[in-house]
Amino acid sequence: LPIPTAVPEKDLQVGMWSIALGRTFELDQPSISVGIVSALERIWGKAI
């Protein structure tokens, strides 16, 4: 199975593009929602 490439922790920055993807009914392409990284280390350091 194909394994994705992870972003190095040092490359994560507030303001960079973030694209939320999901696989629901269509198999040929994922659902797409676009935004930015609005904060790092939220929820007591656990989350982007």
All heavy atoms as atom14 arrays in JSON, in Angstrom:
{
  "sequence": "LPIPTAVPEKDLQVGMWSIALGRTFELDQPSISVGIVSALERIWGKAI",
  "atom14_mask": [
    [1, 1, 1, 1, 1, 1, 1, 1, 0, 0, 0, 0, 0, 0],
    [1, 1, 1, 1, 1, 1, 1, 0, 0, 0, 0, 0, 0, 0],
    [1, 1, 1, 1, 1, 1, 1, 1, 0, 0, 0, 0, 0, 0],
    [1, 1, 1, 1, 1, 1, 1, 0, 0, 0, 0, 0, 0, 0],
    [1, 1, 1, 1, 1, 1, 1, 0, 0, 0, 0, 0, 0, 0],
    [1, 1, 1, 1, 1, 0, 0, 0, 0, 0, 0, 0, 0, 0],
    [1, 1, 1, 1, 1, 1, 1, 0, 0, 0, 0, 0, 0, 0],
    [1, 1, 1, 1, 1, 1, 1, 0, 0, 0, 0, 0, 0, 0],
    [1, 1, 1, 1, 1, 1, 1, 1, 1, 0, 0, 0, 0, 0],
    [1, 1, 1, 1, 1, 1, 1, 1, 1, 0, 0, 0, 0, 0],
    [1, 1, 1, 1, 1, 1, 1, 1, 0, 0, 0, 0, 0, 0],
    [1, 1, 1, 1, 1, 1, 1, 1, 0, 0, 0, 0, 0, 0],
    [1, 1, 1, 1, 1, 1, 1, 1, 1, 0, 0, 0, 0, 0],
    [1, 1, 1, 1, 1, 1, 1, 0, 0, 0, 0, 0, 0, 0],
    [1, 1, 1, 1, 0, 0, 0, 0, 0, 0, 0, 0, 0, 0],
    [1, 1, 1, 1, 1, 1, 1, 1, 0, 0, 0, 0, 0, 0],
    [1, 1, 1, 1, 1, 1, 1, 1, 1, 1, 1, 1, 1, 1],
    [1, 1, 1, 1, 1, 1, 0, 0, 0, 0, 0, 0, 0, 0],
    [1, 1, 1, 1, 1, 1, 1, 1, 0, 0, 0, 0, 0, 0],
    [1, 1, 1, 1, 1, 0, 0, 0, 0, 0, 0, 0, 0, 0],
    [1, 1, 1, 1, 1, 1, 1, 1, 0, 0, 0, 0, 0, 0],
    [1, 1, 1, 1, 0, 0, 0, 0, 0, 0, 0, 0, 0, 0],
    [1, 1, 1, 1, 1, 1, 1, 1, 1, 1, 1, 0, 0, 0],
    [1, 1, 1, 1, 1, 1, 1, 0, 0, 0, 0, 0, 0, 0],
    [1, 1, 1, 1, 1, 1, 1, 1, 1, 1, 1, 0, 0, 0],
    [1, 1, 1, 1, 1, 1, 1, 1, 1, 0, 0, 0, 0, 0],
    [1, 1, 1, 1, 1, 1, 1, 1, 0, 0, 0, 0, 0, 0],
    [1, 1, 1, 1, 1, 1, 1, 1, 0, 0, 0, 0, 0, 0],
    [1, 1, 1, 1, 1, 1, 1, 1, 1, 0, 0, 0, 0, 0],
    [1, 1, 1, 1, 1, 1, 1, 0, 0, 0, 0, 0, 0, 0],
    [1, 1, 1, 1, 1, 1, 0, 0, 0, 0, 0, 0, 0, 0],
    [1, 1, 1, 1, 1, 1, 1, 1, 0, 0, 0, 0, 0, 0],
    [1, 1, 1, 1, 1, 1, 0, 0, 0, 0, 0, 0, 0, 0],
    [1, 1, 1, 1, 1, 1, 1, 0, 0, 0, 0, 0, 0, 0],
    [1, 1, 1, 1, 0, 0, 0, 0, 0, 0, 0, 0, 0, 0],
    [1, 1, 1, 1, 1, 1, 1, 1, 0, 0, 0, 0, 0, 0],
    [1, 1, 1, 1, 1, 1, 1, 0, 0, 0, 0, 0, 0, 0],
    [1, 1, 1, 1, 1, 1, 0, 0, 0, 0, 0, 0, 0, 0],
    [1, 1, 1, 1, 1, 0, 0, 0, 0, 0, 0, 0, 0, 0],
    [1, 1, 1, 1, 1, 1, 1, 1, 0, 0, 0, 0, 0, 0],
    [1, 1, 1, 1, 1, 1, 1, 1, 1, 0, 0, 0, 0, 0],
    [1, 1, 1, 1, 1, 1, 1, 1, 1, 1, 1, 0, 0, 0],
    [1, 1, 1, 1, 1, 1, 1, 1, 0, 0, 0, 0, 0, 0],
    [1, 1, 1, 1, 1, 1, 1, 1, 1, 1, 1, 1, 1, 1],
    [1, 1, 1, 1, 0, 0, 0, 0, 0, 0, 0, 0, 0, 0],
    [1, 1, 1, 1, 1, 1, 1, 1, 1, 0, 0, 0, 0, 0],
    [1, 1, 1, 1, 1, 0, 0, 0, 0, 0, 0, 0, 0, 0],
    [1, 1, 1, 1, 1, 1, 1, 1, 0, 0, 0, 0, 0, 0]
  ],
  "atom14_positions": [
    [[0.84, -1.2, 0.0], [0.0, 0.0, 0.0], [0.88, 1.25, 0.0], [1.97, 1.26, 0.58], [-0.91, 0.0, 1.23], [-1.87, -1.18, 1.36], [-2.73, -1.04, 2.6], [-2.75, -1.31, 0.12], [0.0, 0.0, 0.0], [0.0, 0.0, 0.0], [0.0, 0.0, 0.0], [0.0, 0.0, 0.0], [0.0, 0.0, 0.0], [0.0, 0.0, 0.0]],
    [[0.42, 2.33, -0.64], [1.23, 3.55, -0.71], [1.19, 4.32, 0.62], [0.13, 4.5, 1.21], [0.55, 4.35, -1.82], [-0.86, 3.88, -1.82], [-0.82, 2.44, -1.41], [0.0, 0.0, 0.0], [0.0, 0.0, 0.0], [0.0, 0.0, 0.0], [0.0, 0.0, 0.0], [0.0, 0.0, 0.0], [0.0, 0.0, 0.0], [0.0, 0.0, 0.0]],
    [[2.36, 4.76, 1.08], [2.47, 5.51, 2.33], [2.74, 6.97, 2.0], [3.63, 7.27, 1.2], [3.62, 4.96, 3.2], [3.43, 3.46, 3.45], [3.7, 5.72, 4.53], [4.61, 2.83, 4.14], [0.0, 0.0, 0.0], [0.0, 0.0, 0.0], [0.0, 0.0, 0.0], [0.0, 0.0, 0.0], [0.0, 0.0, 0.0], [0.0, 0.0, 0.0]],
    [[1.98, 7.89, 2.59], [2.18, 9.32, 2.28], [3.45, 9.87, 2.92], [4.0, 9.29, 3.87], [0.94, 9.98, 2.88], [0.55, 9.08, 4.0], [0.89, 7.69, 3.55], [0.0, 0.0, 0.0], [0.0, 0.0, 0.0], [0.0, 0.0, 0.0], [0.0, 0.0, 0.0], [0.0, 0.0, 0.0], [0.0, 0.0, 0.0], [0.0, 0.0, 0.0]],
    [[3.9, 11.0, 2.4], [5.05, 11.7, 2.96], [4.57, 12.67, 4.03], [3.64, 13.45, 3.79], [5.8, 12.47, 1.87], [6.25, 11.55, 0.88], [7.0, 13.23, 2.45], [0.0, 0.0, 0.0], [0.0, 0.0, 0.0], [0.0, 0.0, 0.0], [0.0, 0.0, 0.0], [0.0, 0.0, 0.0], [0.0, 0.0, 0.0], [0.0, 0.0, 0.0]],
    [[5.19, 12.6, 5.21], [4.79, 13.49, 6.31], [5.56, 14.8, 6.25], [6.72, 14.84, 5.83], [5.04, 12.8, 7.65], [0.0, 0.0, 0.0], [0.0, 0.0, 0.0], [0.0, 0.0, 0.0], [0.0, 0.0, 0.0], [0.0, 0.0, 0.0], [0.0, 0.0, 0.0], [0.0, 0.0, 0.0], [0.0, 0.0, 0.0], [0.0, 0.0, 0.0]],
    [[4.92, 15.87, 6.67], [5.56, 17.17, 6.77], [6.47, 17.18, 8.0], [6.01, 16.85, 9.1], [4.53, 18.3, 6.89], [5.21, 19.65, 7.07], [3.62, 18.34, 5.67], [0.0, 0.0, 0.0], [0.0, 0.0, 0.0], [0.0, 0.0, 0.0], [0.0, 0.0, 0.0], [0.0, 0.0, 0.0], [0.0, 0.0, 0.0], [0.0, 0.0, 0.0]],
    [[7.74, 17.53, 7.87], [8.59, 17.65, 9.06], [8.02, 18.67, 10.03], [7.45, 19.69, 9.61], [9.94, 18.11, 8.49], [9.92, 17.69, 7.05], [8.49, 17.8, 6.62], [0.0, 0.0, 0.0], [0.0, 0.0, 0.0], [0.0, 0.0, 0.0], [0.0, 0.0, 0.0], [0.0, 0.0, 0.0], [0.0, 0.0, 0.0], [0.0, 0.0, 0.0]],
    [[8.17, 18.38, 11.31], [7.59, 19.26, 12.33], [8.09, 20.69, 12.19], [7.33, 21.64, 12.38], [7.93, 18.71, 13.71], [7.26, 19.44, 14.86], [7.54, 18.79, 16.2], [8.39, 17.89, 16.26], [6.9, 19.19, 17.2], [0.0, 0.0, 0.0], [0.0, 0.0, 0.0], [0.0, 0.0, 0.0], [0.0, 0.0, 0.0], [0.0, 0.0, 0.0]],
    [[9.35, 20.87, 11.81], [9.92, 22.21, 11.69], [9.3, 23.02, 10.55], [9.41, 24.25, 10.52], [11.43, 22.12, 11.48], [11.86, 21.4, 10.22], [13.37, 21.32, 10.11], [13.81, 20.57, 8.87], [13.35, 21.21, 7.62], [0.0, 0.0, 0.0], [0.0, 0.0, 0.0], [0.0, 0.0, 0.0], [0.0, 0.0, 0.0], [0.0, 0.0, 0.0]],
    [[8.66, 22.34, 9.6], [8.07, 23.03, 8.45], [6.65, 23.54, 8.71], [6.09, 24.29, 7.9], [8.04, 22.12, 7.22], [9.43, 21.87, 6.66], [10.39, 22.49, 7.17], [9.56, 21.05, 5.73], [0.0, 0.0, 0.0], [0.0, 0.0, 0.0], [0.0, 0.0, 0.0], [0.0, 0.0, 0.0], [0.0, 0.0, 0.0], [0.0, 0.0, 0.0]],
    [[6.03, 23.11, 9.82], [4.67, 23.56, 10.13], [4.71, 25.01, 10.61], [5.45, 25.34, 11.53], [4.05, 22.67, 11.21], [3.73, 21.23, 10.82], [3.27, 20.45, 12.04], [2.68, 21.19, 9.72], [0.0, 0.0, 0.0], [0.0, 0.0, 0.0], [0.0, 0.0, 0.0], [0.0, 0.0, 0.0], [0.0, 0.0, 0.0], [0.0, 0.0, 0.0]],
    [[3.91, 25.85, 9.98], [3.87, 27.26, 10.34], [2.44, 27.77, 10.29], [1.63, 27.35, 9.45], [4.72, 28.09, 9.38], [6.2, 27.77, 9.4], [6.98, 28.65, 8.45], [6.56, 29.75, 8.1], [8.14, 28.16, 8.01], [0.0, 0.0, 0.0], [0.0, 0.0, 0.0], [0.0, 0.0, 0.0], [0.0, 0.0, 0.0], [0.0, 0.0, 0.0]],
    [[2.14, 28.69, 11.19], [0.84, 29.36, 11.16], [0.75, 30.18, 9.88], [1.69, 30.88, 9.51], [0.66, 30.27, 12.39], [-0.62, 31.09, 12.28], [0.65, 29.45, 13.67], [0.0, 0.0, 0.0], [0.0, 0.0, 0.0], [0.0, 0.0, 0.0], [0.0, 0.0, 0.0], [0.0, 0.0, 0.0], [0.0, 0.0, 0.0], [0.0, 0.0, 0.0]],
    [[-0.39, 30.08, 9.19], [-0.61, 30.85, 7.96], [-0.41, 30.05, 6.7], [-0.82, 30.49, 5.62], [0.0, 0.0, 0.0], [0.0, 0.0, 0.0], [0.0, 0.0, 0.0], [0.0, 0.0, 0.0], [0.0, 0.0, 0.0], [0.0, 0.0, 0.0], [0.0, 0.0, 0.0], [0.0, 0.0, 0.0], [0.0, 0.0, 0.0], [0.0, 0.0, 0.0]],
    [[0.21, 28.85, 6.78], [0.41, 28.04, 5.58], [-0.91, 27.39, 5.17], [-1.81, 27.2, 5.98], [1.5, 27.0, 5.82], [1.17, 25.93, 6.83], [2.6, 24.88, 7.26], [2.95, 24.11, 5.69], [0.0, 0.0, 0.0], [0.0, 0.0, 0.0], [0.0, 0.0, 0.0], [0.0, 0.0, 0.0], [0.0, 0.0, 0.0], [0.0, 0.0, 0.0]],
    [[-1.0, 27.08, 3.89], [-2.22, 26.44, 3.39], [-2.44, 25.1, 4.07], [-1.48, 24.36, 4.34], [-2.13, 26.22, 1.88], [-2.29, 27.47, 1.07], [-1.33, 28.14, 0.38], [-3.49, 28.2, 0.87], [-1.85, 29.24, -0.23], [-3.19, 29.32, 0.05], [-4.8, 28.05, 1.31], [-4.14, 30.24, -0.34], [-5.75, 28.97, 0.91], [-5.42, 30.05, 0.1]],
    [[-3.68, 24.77, 4.32], [-4.04, 23.45, 4.85], [-5.24, 22.95, 4.07], [-6.21, 23.68, 3.85], [-4.37, 23.52, 6.34], [-5.42, 24.41, 6.59], [0.0, 0.0, 0.0], [0.0, 0.0, 0.0], [0.0, 0.0, 0.0], [0.0, 0.0, 0.0], [0.0, 0.0, 0.0], [0.0, 0.0, 0.0], [0.0, 0.0, 0.0], [0.0, 0.0, 0.0]],
    [[-5.17, 21.71, 3.64], [-6.23, 21.12, 2.81], [-6.74, 19.87, 3.53], [-6.0, 18.92, 3.76], [-5.69, 20.76, 1.41], [-5.04, 21.98, 0.77], [-6.81, 20.22, 0.54], [-4.25, 21.66, -0.49], [0.0, 0.0, 0.0], [0.0, 0.0, 0.0], [0.0, 0.0, 0.0], [0.0, 0.0, 0.0], [0.0, 0.0, 0.0], [0.0, 0.0, 0.0]],
    [[-8.01, 19.92, 3.91], [-8.65, 18.8, 4.6], [-9.27, 17.87, 3.57], [-10.08, 18.31, 2.74], [-9.7, 19.3, 5.58], [0.0, 0.0, 0.0], [0.0, 0.0, 0.0], [0.0, 0.0, 0.0], [0.0, 0.0, 0.0], [0.0, 0.0, 0.0], [0.0, 0.0, 0.0], [0.0, 0.0, 0.0], [0.0, 0.0, 0.0], [0.0, 0.0, 0.0]],
    [[-8.91, 16.6, 3.63], [-9.39, 15.63, 2.65], [-10.16, 14.51, 3.33], [-9.91, 14.2, 4.5], [-8.19, 15.04, 1.88], [-7.27, 16.03, 1.18], [-6.07, 15.31, 0.59], [-8.02, 16.79, 0.09], [0.0, 0.0, 0.0], [0.0, 0.0, 0.0], [0.0, 0.0, 0.0], [0.0, 0.0, 0.0], [0.0, 0.0, 0.0], [0.0, 0.0, 0.0]],
    [[-11.06, 13.91, 2.59], [-11.82, 12.78, 3.1], [-12.24, 11.87, 1.96], [-12.27, 12.28, 0.8], [0.0, 0.0, 0.0], [0.0, 0.0, 0.0], [0.0, 0.0, 0.0], [0.0, 0.0, 0.0], [0.0, 0.0, 0.0], [0.0, 0.0, 0.0], [0.0, 0.0, 0.0], [0.0, 0.0, 0.0], [0.0, 0.0, 0.0], [0.0, 0.0, 0.0]],
    [[-12.56, 10.64, 2.31], [-12.99, 9.68, 1.29], [-14.39, 9.23, 1.68], [-14.57, 8.54, 2.69], [-12.05, 8.48, 1.28], [-12.49, 7.32, 0.4], [-12.12, 7.54, -1.04], [-10.68, 7.54, -1.2], [-10.05, 8.18, -2.17], [-10.74, 8.88, -3.05], [-8.74, 8.13, -2.27], [0.0, 0.0, 0.0], [0.0, 0.0, 0.0], [0.0, 0.0, 0.0]],
    [[-15.38, 9.67, 0.93], [-16.75, 9.3, 1.28], [-17.38, 8.44, 0.18], [-17.16, 7.24, 0.14], [-17.58, 10.57, 1.53], [-17.42, 11.47, 0.41], [-17.11, 11.28, 2.79], [0.0, 0.0, 0.0], [0.0, 0.0, 0.0], [0.0, 0.0, 0.0], [0.0, 0.0, 0.0], [0.0, 0.0, 0.0], [0.0, 0.0, 0.0], [0.0, 0.0, 0.0]],
    [[-18.14, 9.05, -0.71], [-18.86, 8.24, -1.69], [-18.08, 8.05, -2.99], [-18.21, 7.04, -3.65], [-20.22, 8.87, -1.98], [-21.1, 8.93, -0.77], [-21.26, 10.1, -0.06], [-21.75, 7.79, -0.31], [-22.06, 10.15, 1.07], [-22.55, 7.83, 0.82], [-22.7, 9.01, 1.51], [0.0, 0.0, 0.0], [0.0, 0.0, 0.0], [0.0, 0.0, 0.0]],
    [[-17.28, 9.03, -3.37], [-16.52, 8.93, -4.61], [-15.16, 8.31, -4.33], [-14.43, 8.75, -3.45], [-16.34, 10.33, -5.23], [-17.64, 11.02, -5.59], [-18.41, 10.3, -6.68], [-17.76, 9.62, -7.5], [-19.64, 10.41, -6.71], [0.0, 0.0, 0.0], [0.0, 0.0, 0.0], [0.0, 0.0, 0.0], [0.0, 0.0, 0.0], [0.0, 0.0, 0.0]],
    [[-14.8, 7.29, -5.11], [-13.5, 6.65, -4.92], [-12.42, 7.28, -5.78], [-11.24, 7.18, -5.48], [-13.6, 5.16, -5.24], [-14.3, 4.28, -4.2], [-14.37, 2.85, -4.69], [-13.58, 4.35, -2.87], [0.0, 0.0, 0.0], [0.0, 0.0, 0.0], [0.0, 0.0, 0.0], [0.0, 0.0, 0.0], [0.0, 0.0, 0.0], [0.0, 0.0, 0.0]],
    [[-12.81, 7.93, -6.89], [-11.8, 8.44, -7.8], [-11.13, 9.71, -7.28], [-10.0, 10.01, -7.65], [-12.4, 8.69, -9.18], [-13.57, 9.66, -9.13], [-14.19, 9.77, -8.05], [-13.86, 10.3, -10.16], [0.0, 0.0, 0.0], [0.0, 0.0, 0.0], [0.0, 0.0, 0.0], [0.0, 0.0, 0.0], [0.0, 0.0, 0.0], [0.0, 0.0, 0.0]],
    [[-11.82, 10.46, -6.43], [-11.2, 11.67, -5.89], [-11.76, 11.95, -4.49], [-12.91, 11.65, -4.2], [-11.45, 12.87, -6.81], [-12.92, 13.2, -7.01], [-13.11, 14.36, -7.99], [-12.15, 14.85, -8.56], [-14.34, 14.77, -8.17], [0.0, 0.0, 0.0], [0.0, 0.0, 0.0], [0.0, 0.0, 0.0], [0.0, 0.0, 0.0], [0.0, 0.0, 0.0]],
    [[-10.94, 12.53, -3.63], [-11.39, 12.81, -2.26], [-12.18, 14.1, -2.19], [-12.14, 14.94, -3.1], [-10.07, 12.94, -1.5], [-9.11, 13.48, -2.51], [-9.52, 12.87, -3.82], [0.0, 0.0, 0.0], [0.0, 0.0, 0.0], [0.0, 0.0, 0.0], [0.0, 0.0, 0.0], [0.0, 0.0, 0.0], [0.0, 0.0, 0.0], [0.0, 0.0, 0.0]],
    [[-12.93, 14.27, -1.1], [-13.55, 15.55, -0.81], [-12.46, 16.53, -0.38], [-11.47, 16.14, 0.24], [-14.6, 15.41, 0.28], [-14.01, 14.94, 1.47], [0.0, 0.0, 0.0], [0.0, 0.0, 0.0], [0.0, 0.0, 0.0], [0.0, 0.0, 0.0], [0.0, 0.0, 0.0], [0.0, 0.0, 0.0], [0.0, 0.0, 0.0], [0.0, 0.0, 0.0]],
    [[-12.64, 17.82, -0.7], [-11.6, 18.82, -0.45], [-12.2, 20.01, 0.27], [-13.24, 20.54, -0.13], [-10.94, 19.29, -1.76], [-10.28, 18.13, -2.49], [-9.89, 20.38, -1.48], [-9.68, 18.51, -3.84], [0.0, 0.0, 0.0], [0.0, 0.0, 0.0], [0.0, 0.0, 0.0], [0.0, 0.0, 0.0], [0.0, 0.0, 0.0], [0.0, 0.0, 0.0]],
    [[-11.55, 20.44, 1.34], [-11.89, 21.69, 2.03], [-10.58, 22.43, 2.3], [-9.65, 21.85, 2.85], [-12.63, 21.41, 3.35], [-12.84, 22.61, 4.06], [0.0, 0.0, 0.0], [0.0, 0.0, 0.0], [0.0, 0.0, 0.0], [0.0, 0.0, 0.0], [0.0, 0.0, 0.0], [0.0, 0.0, 0.0], [0.0, 0.0, 0.0], [0.0, 0.0, 0.0]],
    [[-10.53, 23.69, 1.9], [-9.28, 24.44, 1.93], [-9.32, 25.51, 3.01], [-10.34, 26.18, 3.21], [-8.98, 25.08, 0.56], [-7.68, 25.91, 0.62], [-8.87, 24.0, -0.5], [0.0, 0.0, 0.0], [0.0, 0.0, 0.0], [0.0, 0.0, 0.0], [0.0, 0.0, 0.0], [0.0, 0.0, 0.0], [0.0, 0.0, 0.0], [0.0, 0.0, 0.0]],
    [[-8.22, 25.7, 3.7], [-8.08, 26.77, 4.68], [-6.61, 27.04, 4.94], [-5.76, 26.74, 4.1], [0.0, 0.0, 0.0], [0.0, 0.0, 0.0], [0.0, 0.0, 0.0], [0.0, 0.0, 0.0], [0.0, 0.0, 0.0], [0.0, 0.0, 0.0], [0.0, 0.0, 0.0], [0.0, 0.0, 0.0], [0.0, 0.0, 0.0], [0.0, 0.0, 0.0]],
    [[-6.34, 27.58, 6.1], [-4.96, 27.79, 6.51], [-4.74, 27.18, 7.9], [-5.72, 26.88, 8.61], [-4.58, 29.29, 6.55], [-5.44, 30.03, 7.61], [-4.68, 29.93, 5.2], [-4.92, 31.41, 7.94], [0.0, 0.0, 0.0], [0.0, 0.0, 0.0], [0.0, 0.0, 0.0], [0.0, 0.0, 0.0], [0.0, 0.0, 0.0], [0.0, 0.0, 0.0]],
    [[-3.5, 27.01, 8.27], [-3.17, 26.63, 9.64], [-3.33, 27.88, 10.49], [-2.61, 28.86, 10.32], [-1.74, 26.09, 9.75], [-1.36, 25.88, 11.21], [-1.61, 24.78, 8.97], [0.0, 0.0, 0.0], [0.0, 0.0, 0.0], [0.0, 0.0, 0.0], [0.0, 0.0, 0.0], [0.0, 0.0, 0.0], [0.0, 0.0, 0.0], [0.0, 0.0, 0.0]],
    [[-4.31, 27.87, 11.39], [-4.6, 29.07, 12.19], [-3.89, 29.06, 13.54], [-3.8, 30.1, 14.19], [-6.11, 29.22, 12.39], [-6.69, 28.02, 12.86], [0.0, 0.0, 0.0], [0.0, 0.0, 0.0], [0.0, 0.0, 0.0], [0.0, 0.0, 0.0], [0.0, 0.0, 0.0], [0.0, 0.0, 0.0], [0.0, 0.0, 0.0], [0.0, 0.0, 0.0]],
    [[-3.39, 27.91, 13.99], [-2.64, 27.86, 15.25], [-1.94, 26.5, 15.35], [-2.36, 25.52, 14.72], [-3.57, 28.06, 16.45], [0.0, 0.0, 0.0], [0.0, 0.0, 0.0], [0.0, 0.0, 0.0], [0.0, 0.0, 0.0], [0.0, 0.0, 0.0], [0.0, 0.0, 0.0], [0.0, 0.0, 0.0], [0.0, 0.0, 0.0], [0.0, 0.0, 0.0]],
    [[-0.87, 26.48, 16.13], [-0.16, 25.24, 16.41], [-0.21, 24.95, 17.91], [-0.45, 25.85, 18.71], [1.31, 25.34, 15.96], [1.55, 25.56, 14.46], [3.03, 25.81, 14.2], [1.06, 24.36, 13.64], [0.0, 0.0, 0.0], [0.0, 0.0, 0.0], [0.0, 0.0, 0.0], [0.0, 0.0, 0.0], [0.0, 0.0, 0.0], [0.0, 0.0, 0.0]],
    [[0.0, 23.7, 18.27], [0.03, 23.27, 19.67], [-1.24, 23.66, 20.42], [-1.18, 24.07, 21.58], [1.27, 23.81, 20.38], [2.57, 23.29, 19.78], [3.78, 23.68, 20.59], [3.65, 24.5, 21.52], [4.88, 23.18, 20.28], [0.0, 0.0, 0.0], [0.0, 0.0, 0.0], [0.0, 0.0, 0.0], [0.0, 0.0, 0.0], [0.0, 0.0, 0.0]],
    [[-2.39, 23.54, 19.74], [-3.66, 23.78, 20.42], [-4.08, 22.53, 21.2], [-3.48, 21.49, 21.1], [-4.75, 24.13, 19.39], [-4.61, 25.51, 18.8], [-4.66, 26.62, 19.85], [-5.77, 26.46, 20.77], [-7.01, 26.87, 20.53], [-7.31, 27.47, 19.39], [-7.95, 26.7, 21.43], [0.0, 0.0, 0.0], [0.0, 0.0, 0.0], [0.0, 0.0, 0.0]],
    [[-5.16, 22.68, 21.98], [-5.67, 21.6, 22.83], [-4.53, 21.06, 23.68], [-4.18, 19.88, 23.65], [-6.35, 20.48, 22.01], [-7.27, 21.05, 20.94], [-7.12, 19.55, 22.94], [-8.45, 21.8, 21.47], [0.0, 0.0, 0.0], [0.0, 0.0, 0.0], [0.0, 0.0, 0.0], [0.0, 0.0, 0.0], [0.0, 0.0, 0.0], [0.0, 0.0, 0.0]],
    [[-3.9, 22.0, 24.41], [-2.83, 21.66, 25.34], [-1.68, 20.93, 24.65], [-1.18, 19.92, 25.11], [-3.38, 20.86, 26.52], [-4.57, 21.52, 27.12], [-5.85, 21.08, 27.14], [-4.58, 22.81, 27.75], [-6.67, 21.99, 27.75], [-5.91, 23.08, 28.13], [-3.61, 23.77, 28.02], [-6.29, 24.25, 28.76], [-3.99, 24.95, 28.66], [-5.32, 25.17, 29.02]],
    [[-1.29, 21.51, 23.5], [-0.11, 21.02, 22.81], [-0.32, 19.83, 21.91], [0.63, 19.32, 21.3], [0.0, 0.0, 0.0], [0.0, 0.0, 0.0], [0.0, 0.0, 0.0], [0.0, 0.0, 0.0], [0.0, 0.0, 0.0], [0.0, 0.0, 0.0], [0.0, 0.0, 0.0], [0.0, 0.0, 0.0], [0.0, 0.0, 0.0], [0.0, 0.0, 0.0]],
    [[-1.57, 19.37, 21.75], [-1.81, 18.13, 21.02], [-2.14, 18.32, 19.55], [-2.04, 17.36, 18.78], [-2.95, 17.33, 21.69], [-2.63, 16.8, 23.07], [-3.59, 15.73, 23.49], [-4.98, 16.26, 23.77], [-5.07, 16.89, 25.09], [0.0, 0.0, 0.0], [0.0, 0.0, 0.0], [0.0, 0.0, 0.0], [0.0, 0.0, 0.0], [0.0, 0.0, 0.0]],
    [[-2.56, 19.51, 19.12], [-3.2, 19.58, 17.81], [-2.81, 20.81, 17.0], [-2.45, 21.87, 17.53], [-4.73, 19.56, 17.97], [0.0, 0.0, 0.0], [0.0, 0.0, 0.0], [0.0, 0.0, 0.0], [0.0, 0.0, 0.0], [0.0, 0.0, 0.0], [0.0, 0.0, 0.0], [0.0, 0.0, 0.0], [0.0, 0.0, 0.0], [0.0, 0.0, 0.0]],
    [[-2.9, 20.63, 15.67], [-2.86, 21.73, 14.71], [-4.28, 22.24, 14.57], [-5.22, 21.45, 14.48], [-2.36, 21.24, 13.34], [-0.97, 20.6, 13.45], [-2.38, 22.36, 12.32], [-0.59, 19.81, 12.21], [0.0, 0.0, 0.0], [0.0, 0.0, 0.0], [0.0, 0.0, 0.0], [0.0, 0.0, 0.0], [0.0, 0.0, 0.0], [0.0, 0.0, 0.0]]
  ]
}
